[in-house]
Amino acid sequence: MSNTSEEIQKRYEEEAKSYRKIAPLVNFDLAGFFGVFERMVDRFFPDNNGDIKILDIGAGNGMFTELVLKKYPNAKITMFDFSPEMLSSAKSYFKSININEDNIKYEVGDFIVGSLPE
């Protein structure tokens, strides 16, 4: 049985409530993911005070965006996800840890069936 976008979206909306508690149990650092990302961004944006614009596709609850903002606090980030609940979870979390949201845009959409934000 293949998952439709609607089925996947419903699953993520249900998981949004607990995802932030479960996700840290996955050790992304062991997989080297964030280290590779950090080196890639450093190469493209050597001046961390420069004009950095990032589209976080499948942003979920914002763990990736949080990492970017910790290293690049002036980055402008568009969080794009098809689960409004995941984005709402990110927004609530950012408020709870006092992350400045001035440079964050939240957009709901499905990149498979629609277009991406500019």
Protein backbone atom coordinates (compact mmCIF):
# COMPACT_ATOMS: atom_id res chain seq x y z
CA MET A 1 0.00 0.00 0.00
CA SER A 2 1.47 3.33 -1.01
CA ASN A 3 1.07 6.42 1.16
CA THR A 4 -0.70 9.40 -0.32
CA SER A 5 0.32 12.92 0.60
CA GLU A 6 -2.83 13.20 2.71
CA GLU A 7 -2.00 10.02 4.65
CA ILE A 8 1.56 11.15 5.26
CA GLN A 9 0.41 14.61 6.32
CA LYS A 10 -2.09 13.12 8.77
CA ARG A 11 0.63 10.91 10.28
CA TYR A 12 2.97 13.87 10.77
CA GLU A 13 0.20 15.96 12.26
CA GLU A 14 -0.43 13.19 14.80
CA GLU A 15 3.29 12.85 15.53
CA ALA A 16 3.84 16.62 15.89
CA LYS A 17 2.79 16.45 19.53
CA SER A 18 5.53 14.01 20.50
CA TYR A 19 8.15 14.38 17.76
CA ARG A 20 10.39 16.81 19.63
CA LYS A 21 10.62 14.34 22.54
CA ILE A 22 11.44 11.37 20.32
CA ALA A 23 13.70 12.94 17.67
CA PRO A 24 16.66 13.73 19.98
CA LEU A 25 16.93 10.01 20.67
CA VAL A 26 18.21 9.66 17.11
CA ASN A 27 21.84 10.64 17.22
CA PHE A 28 22.30 12.57 13.97
CA ASP A 29 25.84 13.52 14.96
CA LEU A 30 26.92 9.87 14.83
CA ALA A 31 25.63 9.70 11.29
CA GLY A 32 27.73 12.76 10.47
CA PHE A 33 24.77 14.58 8.99
CA PHE A 34 25.14 17.85 10.82
CA GLY A 35 28.90 17.90 10.44
CA VAL A 36 28.56 17.53 6.67
CA PHE A 37 25.89 20.23 6.60
CA GLU A 38 28.00 22.60 8.67
CA ARG A 39 31.00 22.18 6.36
CA MET A 40 28.79 22.71 3.31
CA VAL A 41 27.24 25.91 4.71
CA ASP A 42 30.67 27.18 5.83
CA ARG A 43 31.89 26.75 2.27
CA PHE A 44 28.92 28.57 0.73
CA PHE A 45 28.63 31.20 3.48
CA PRO A 46 32.11 31.83 4.92
CA ASP A 47 30.90 35.07 6.58
CA ASN A 48 28.33 34.00 9.17
CA ASN A 49 27.13 37.60 9.37
CA GLY A 50 26.51 37.73 5.63
CA ASP A 51 23.28 37.51 3.69
CA ILE A 52 22.28 33.88 4.23
CA LYS A 53 18.89 32.71 2.95
CA ILE A 54 17.80 29.13 3.46
CA LEU A 55 14.69 27.23 2.42
CA ASP A 56 14.19 24.38 4.88
CA ILE A 57 12.06 21.91 2.89
CA GLY A 58 10.33 19.44 5.17
CA ALA A 59 11.18 21.67 8.13
CA GLY A 60 9.06 19.72 10.56
CA ASN A 61 9.38 20.96 14.11
CA GLY A 62 12.46 23.07 13.42
CA MET A 63 15.41 21.07 14.71
CA PHE A 64 17.43 21.78 11.57
CA THR A 65 16.43 25.46 11.58
CA GLU A 66 17.46 25.70 15.23
CA LEU A 67 20.94 24.38 14.41
CA VAL A 68 21.31 26.86 11.56
CA LEU A 69 20.21 29.81 13.70
CA LYS A 70 22.62 28.90 16.47
CA LYS A 71 25.53 29.11 14.05
CA TYR A 72 24.11 31.81 11.75
CA PRO A 73 21.84 34.01 13.89
CA ASN A 74 21.27 36.50 11.05
CA ALA A 75 20.17 33.88 8.53
CA LYS A 76 16.77 34.32 6.92
CA ILE A 77 14.99 30.98 6.93
CA THR A 78 11.76 29.89 5.33
CA MET A 79 10.45 26.78 7.05
CA PHE A 80 8.34 24.87 4.51
CA ASP A 81 6.34 21.82 5.55
CA PHE A 82 3.01 20.27 4.71
CA SER A 83 2.09 19.75 8.34
CA PRO A 84 0.71 22.90 9.98
CA GLU A 85 1.00 21.14 13.34
CA MET A 86 4.73 20.52 12.89
CA LEU A 87 5.29 24.19 12.06
CA SER A 88 3.13 25.20 15.01
CA SER A 89 5.25 22.94 17.21
CA ALA A 90 8.40 24.67 15.89
CA LYS A 91 6.96 28.11 16.55
CA SER A 92 5.98 27.19 20.12
CA TYR A 93 9.37 25.63 20.78
CA PHE A 94 11.26 28.65 19.43
CA LYS A 95 9.24 30.93 21.70
CA SER A 96 10.01 28.69 24.71
CA ILE A 97 13.78 28.91 24.13
CA ASN A 98 13.74 32.59 23.12
CA ILE A 99 14.89 32.15 19.54
CA ASN A 100 14.41 35.38 17.62
CA GLU A 101 11.78 34.62 15.00
CA ASP A 102 12.18 37.89 13.09
CA ASN A 103 14.05 36.06 10.32
CA ILE A 104 11.81 32.98 10.19
CA LYS A 105 8.89 32.54 7.82
CA TYR A 106 6.52 29.58 8.21
CA GLU A 107 4.88 28.27 5.04
CA VAL A 108 2.59 25.29 4.64
CA GLY A 109 2.69 23.43 1.35
CA ASP A 110 3.53 20.20 -0.44
CA PHE A 111 6.54 20.51 -2.74
CA ILE A 112 5.52 17.36 -4.62
CA VAL A 113 2.22 18.81 -5.86
CA GLY A 114 2.92 22.53 -5.74
CA SER A 115 5.61 25.10 -6.09
CA LEU A 116 8.25 26.11 -3.59
CA PRO A 117 8.36 29.51 -1.92
CA GLU A 118 10.84 32.03 -3.35
